[in-house]
Protein backbone atom coordinates (compact mmCIF):
# COMPACT_ATOMS: atom_id res chain seq x y z
CA MET A 1 -63.66 21.29 -3.23
CA PRO A 2 -60.64 18.89 -3.33
CA GLN A 3 -57.19 20.42 -3.50
CA ALA A 4 -55.25 20.09 -6.75
CA ARG A 5 -52.46 17.50 -6.62
CA ASN A 6 -48.86 18.69 -6.90
CA ALA A 7 -47.56 18.80 -10.43
CA MET A 8 -45.48 15.82 -11.51
CA PRO A 9 -41.80 16.70 -11.00
CA SER A 10 -39.53 16.92 -14.02
CA LEU A 11 -36.91 14.26 -14.71
CA HIS A 12 -34.20 16.71 -13.67
CA GLU A 13 -35.98 17.38 -10.35
CA LEU A 14 -36.34 13.66 -9.69
CA GLN A 15 -32.67 13.05 -10.49
CA THR A 16 -31.61 15.93 -8.23
CA ASP A 17 -33.80 14.69 -5.37
CA PHE A 18 -32.52 11.13 -5.82
CA ALA A 19 -28.84 12.17 -5.75
CA ALA A 20 -29.42 14.33 -2.68
CA ALA A 21 -31.26 11.49 -0.92
CA VAL A 22 -28.44 9.03 -1.66
CA PHE A 23 -25.53 11.23 -0.61
CA ALA A 24 -27.03 13.74 1.83
CA GLY A 25 -29.97 11.83 3.33
CA GLY A 26 -32.16 13.63 5.87
CA MET A 27 -34.92 15.79 4.51
CA HIS A 28 -33.84 14.95 0.97
CA VAL A 29 -35.06 11.40 1.54
CA ASP A 30 -38.49 12.73 2.55
CA ALA A 31 -38.58 14.96 -0.53
CA LEU A 32 -37.85 11.96 -2.75
CA LEU A 33 -40.32 9.66 -1.01
CA ASN A 34 -43.12 12.15 -1.62
CA HIS A 35 -42.98 11.00 -5.23
CA CYS A 36 -42.99 7.28 -4.43
CA GLY A 37 -46.64 6.57 -3.72
CA GLU A 38 -47.79 4.41 -0.82
CA ASP A 39 -44.98 1.82 -0.60
CA ARG A 40 -42.50 4.00 1.29
CA ASP A 41 -40.87 1.09 3.12
CA ARG A 42 -39.99 -0.61 -0.14
CA ALA A 43 -38.65 2.68 -1.52
CA ILE A 44 -36.49 3.19 1.58
CA ARG A 45 -35.02 -0.32 1.27
CA GLY A 46 -34.27 0.27 -2.39
CA LEU A 47 -32.67 3.62 -1.63
CA GLU A 48 -30.45 2.10 1.06
CA ALA A 49 -29.35 -0.70 -1.26
CA TYR A 50 -28.50 1.83 -3.97
CA ARG A 51 -26.60 4.01 -1.49
CA ARG A 52 -24.47 1.07 -0.37
CA SER A 53 -23.74 0.07 -3.96
CA ALA A 54 -22.95 3.61 -5.11
CA LEU A 55 -20.64 4.35 -2.19
CA THR A 56 -18.88 1.01 -2.58
CA ASN A 57 -18.24 1.65 -6.29
CA LEU A 58 -17.04 5.22 -5.77
CA ALA A 59 -14.85 4.38 -2.79
CA GLY A 60 -13.44 1.40 -4.68
CA ALA A 61 -12.49 3.62 -7.61
CA VAL A 62 -10.59 5.93 -5.25
CA GLN A 63 -8.77 3.05 -3.57
CA ALA A 64 -7.71 1.63 -6.95
CA THR A 65 -6.31 5.01 -8.00
CA TYR A 66 -4.18 5.59 -4.90
CA PRO A 67 -2.14 2.44 -4.08
CA VAL A 68 0.75 4.45 -2.63
CA LEU A 69 -1.63 6.16 -0.21
CA GLU A 70 -2.92 2.72 0.76
CA ALA A 71 0.63 1.53 1.39
CA ILE A 72 1.18 4.54 3.69
CA VAL A 73 -2.06 4.62 5.70
CA GLY A 74 -3.31 1.04 5.36
CA LYS A 75 -6.27 -0.46 3.53
CA GLU A 76 -8.86 0.14 6.25
CA PHE A 77 -7.98 3.79 6.75
CA LEU A 78 -8.02 4.52 3.03
CA ALA A 79 -11.33 2.66 2.61
CA ALA A 80 -12.95 4.75 5.35
CA THR A 81 -11.46 7.94 3.93
CA ALA A 82 -12.60 7.10 0.41
CA ARG A 83 -16.14 6.43 1.66
CA ARG A 84 -16.23 9.79 3.45
CA TYR A 85 -14.95 11.45 0.29
CA ALA A 86 -17.65 9.73 -1.78
CA LEU A 87 -20.33 10.98 0.59
CA GLU A 88 -19.09 14.55 0.57
CA ARG A 89 -18.01 14.75 -3.07
CA PRO A 90 -20.13 12.41 -5.20
CA SER A 91 -19.25 11.82 -8.81
CA THR A 92 -20.51 14.22 -11.47
CA SER A 93 -19.52 11.92 -14.31
CA GLY A 94 -20.56 8.47 -15.44
CA ASP A 95 -16.89 7.60 -15.96
CA LEU A 96 -15.36 6.15 -12.79
CA ASN A 97 -11.89 6.71 -14.27
CA ALA A 98 -12.51 10.45 -13.92
CA TYR A 99 -13.49 10.18 -10.26
CA GLY A 100 -11.07 11.18 -7.53
CA SER A 101 -9.35 14.09 -9.24
CA ASP A 102 -9.78 16.34 -6.19
CA PHE A 103 -8.99 13.71 -3.57
CA ASP A 104 -5.79 15.66 -2.82
CA ASP A 105 -7.86 18.72 -1.94
CA PHE A 106 -10.11 16.61 0.28
CA LEU A 107 -7.12 15.13 2.11
CA ALA A 108 -5.62 18.58 2.73
CA SER A 109 -8.51 19.40 5.09
CA TYR A 110 -9.37 15.88 6.30
CA GLU A 111 -8.83 15.98 10.05
CA PRO A 112 -8.02 12.26 10.60
CA ALA A 113 -5.10 12.65 8.15
CA SER A 114 -3.76 15.88 9.66
CA GLY A 115 -0.81 14.06 11.22
CA LEU A 116 0.47 13.19 7.73
CA PRO A 117 0.49 16.58 5.97
CA TYR A 118 2.30 15.25 2.90
CA LEU A 119 -0.59 12.94 1.94
CA ALA A 120 -2.27 15.58 -0.25
CA ASP A 121 0.85 15.96 -2.39
CA VAL A 122 1.26 12.19 -2.62
CA ALA A 123 -2.32 12.05 -3.88
CA ARG A 124 -1.54 14.76 -6.46
CA LEU A 125 1.42 12.68 -7.62
CA GLU A 126 -0.64 9.51 -7.90
CA TRP A 127 -3.40 11.25 -9.86
CA LEU A 128 -0.85 12.68 -12.29
CA ALA A 129 0.73 9.24 -12.62
CA GLN A 130 -2.64 7.82 -13.62
CA GLN A 131 -3.17 10.58 -16.21
CA VAL A 132 0.32 10.04 -17.60
CA TYR A 133 -0.21 6.31 -17.86
CA GLY A 134 -3.38 6.83 -19.90
CA ALA A 135 -2.07 9.63 -22.12
CA GLU A 136 -2.10 9.28 -25.89
CA ASP A 137 0.67 7.49 -27.71
CA VAL A 138 2.89 9.54 -30.02
CA ALA A 139 5.02 8.81 -33.04
CA THR A 140 8.52 7.39 -32.85
CA GLN A 141 11.14 9.78 -31.52
CA ASP A 142 12.59 11.90 -34.33
CA LEU A 143 15.43 14.28 -33.48
CA ALA A 144 16.94 14.43 -36.96
CA ALA A 145 16.58 18.22 -37.00
CA LEU A 146 18.69 18.45 -33.85
CA ALA A 147 21.40 16.25 -35.34
CA ALA A 148 21.39 18.29 -38.57
CA THR A 149 21.60 21.69 -36.86
CA PRO A 150 24.98 23.18 -35.90
CA PRO A 151 25.27 23.51 -32.11
CA GLU A 152 25.54 27.30 -32.37
CA ARG A 153 21.99 27.34 -33.82
CA TRP A 154 20.34 24.93 -31.40
CA GLY A 155 18.80 27.87 -29.60
CA GLU A 156 16.50 28.39 -32.61
CA LEU A 157 14.99 24.92 -32.38
CA ARG A 158 11.67 24.01 -30.83
CA PHE A 159 10.62 20.61 -29.49
CA HIS A 160 7.48 18.56 -29.23
CA LEU A 161 7.33 16.87 -25.83
CA ASP A 162 5.83 13.48 -25.13
CA PRO A 163 2.31 14.19 -23.80
CA ALA A 164 2.74 11.29 -21.36
CA HIS A 165 4.50 13.39 -18.76
CA ALA A 166 3.77 15.84 -15.95
CA CYS A 167 5.68 17.89 -13.40
CA LEU A 168 4.82 18.42 -9.75
CA GLU A 169 6.41 20.87 -7.35
CA SER A 170 6.05 19.86 -3.71
CA ALA A 171 7.17 21.02 -0.30
CA TRP A 172 7.69 17.35 0.53
CA PRO A 173 10.05 14.61 -0.74
CA VAL A 174 7.30 13.02 -2.82
CA ALA A 175 9.59 11.16 -5.23
CA ARG A 176 11.28 9.48 -2.28
CA ILE A 177 7.94 8.66 -0.66
CA TRP A 178 6.73 7.22 -3.97
CA GLU A 179 9.90 5.15 -4.36
CA LEU A 180 9.87 3.42 -1.00
CA ASN A 181 6.15 2.60 -1.26
CA GLN A 182 6.48 0.68 -4.53
CA PRO A 183 5.83 -3.08 -4.25
CA GLU A 184 9.27 -3.99 -5.62
CA TYR A 185 11.21 -1.57 -3.40
CA ASP A 186 14.03 -3.20 -1.45
CA GLY A 187 16.13 -0.67 0.41
CA ASP A 188 16.30 1.57 3.45
CA PHE A 189 13.30 3.62 4.54
CA GLU A 190 15.01 6.86 5.51
CA VAL A 191 13.16 10.00 4.40
CA ASP A 192 14.24 13.60 4.90
CA PHE A 193 10.86 15.28 5.37
CA GLU A 194 12.55 18.69 5.39
CA ARG A 195 13.47 18.32 1.73
CA ALA A 196 11.20 19.76 -0.96
CA GLN A 197 11.18 18.07 -4.36
CA THR A 198 10.07 18.93 -7.87
CA VAL A 199 9.41 15.74 -9.78
CA LEU A 200 8.94 14.52 -13.32
CA ILE A 201 6.33 11.84 -13.99
CA TYR A 202 6.66 10.12 -17.35
CA ARG A 203 5.72 6.88 -19.06
CA ARG A 204 8.19 4.26 -20.18
CA ALA A 205 7.71 0.73 -21.51
CA GLY A 206 7.66 -0.69 -17.99
CA GLY A 207 5.06 1.76 -16.71
CA VAL A 208 5.21 5.16 -15.03
CA THR A 209 8.49 6.54 -13.69
CA VAL A 210 8.84 9.27 -11.05
CA GLU A 211 12.15 11.12 -10.81
CA GLU A 212 13.36 14.24 -9.07
CA LEU A 213 14.08 17.15 -11.39
CA ALA A 214 17.32 19.05 -11.08
CA PRO A 215 17.20 22.84 -10.53
CA GLY A 216 15.94 24.64 -13.63
CA GLU A 217 14.67 21.54 -15.40
CA GLN A 218 10.99 22.20 -14.69
CA ASP A 219 11.35 25.72 -16.13
CA LEU A 220 13.01 24.27 -19.23
CA LEU A 221 10.20 21.76 -19.78
CA LEU A 222 7.44 24.26 -19.15
CA ALA A 223 8.92 26.68 -21.67
CA LEU A 224 9.49 24.01 -24.32
CA GLY A 225 5.98 22.69 -23.73
CA ALA A 226 4.62 26.18 -24.33
CA GLY A 227 6.33 26.28 -27.75
CA GLU A 228 9.31 28.43 -26.83
CA THR A 229 12.63 28.04 -28.63
CA LEU A 230 15.38 26.18 -26.86
CA GLY A 231 17.20 29.48 -26.41
CA ASN A 232 14.28 31.08 -24.60
CA ALA A 233 13.69 27.92 -22.56
CA VAL A 234 17.32 27.91 -21.46
CA GLU A 235 17.02 31.54 -20.36
CA ALA A 236 14.07 30.56 -18.18
CA ALA A 237 15.94 27.58 -16.74
CA ALA A 238 19.15 29.54 -16.19
CA ARG A 239 17.50 31.52 -13.40
CA SER A 240 18.79 28.59 -11.37
CA GLU A 241 22.54 29.12 -11.10
CA VAL A 242 23.29 25.38 -11.09
CA PHE A 243 21.24 24.49 -14.18
CA ASP A 244 23.16 22.07 -16.44
CA LEU A 245 21.83 22.24 -19.99
CA SER A 246 23.94 19.40 -21.39
CA ALA A 247 22.95 17.00 -18.62
CA SER A 248 19.27 17.93 -18.94
CA LEU A 249 19.20 17.48 -22.72
CA ARG A 250 20.89 14.08 -22.45
CA ARG A 251 18.43 13.02 -19.80
CA PHE A 252 15.31 14.14 -21.64
CA ILE A 253 16.46 12.67 -24.95
CA ALA A 254 17.32 9.33 -23.33
CA SER A 255 13.96 9.19 -21.53
CA GLY A 256 12.07 9.92 -24.76
CA LEU A 257 10.56 13.08 -23.34
CA LEU A 258 11.88 15.17 -26.25
CA ARG A 259 10.02 13.58 -29.14
CA ARG A 260 10.68 15.81 -32.14
CA ALA A 261 12.86 18.81 -32.96
CA TYR A 262 11.80 21.34 -35.57
């Protein structure tokens, strides 16, 4: 009596087998080819062509997202690293703009990059810069409530912050590294790698700006962003003995980071 043929796999099973064959290879290829009938050679050629195309697209998306990394390590090194990343961490989304969010985590344990331990934080900075650049637009800056409130009552005010901003705390001088790897940079290349930096990434008309935050400023922004009053935010920031409220307010108003007082 002839044996019953295996049941036709579900679409989900086929998709899972196909993804595993493309990115993992090995026995996963055999599992996929079991569903391909007699023309295995043609299926293998098609699979190889798809693998090359998929890896090229994913690696290309990573390279486009991290131009500062490319300036540091070179195009060939980043291309090889991005391809390895694509093999080990394939996309789970159809949107290539969302791909590469954990490239910093990959770099932190990537042995060929171990001699440049700051690369992971530079990648974090570049990813945040991309998110800031694509953040939603907001209404025109309106600080009328601040102007109408007596200074002794400013502590009662709250502020909406521009969503096109982010903060990053690093053990490395990432703002300096970012600065000297910009295409238009024309200055000395001295870097104090012993200096930690906390940076602000925000969007201006000319693009994304990266600046070092003074002591206490990150705490101020985090508190205001969480809806705290200015008084409570200042208390959080004042844990740093050198926090300068007046200078910080002037800076964040001038940059457009403080969008509305209420």
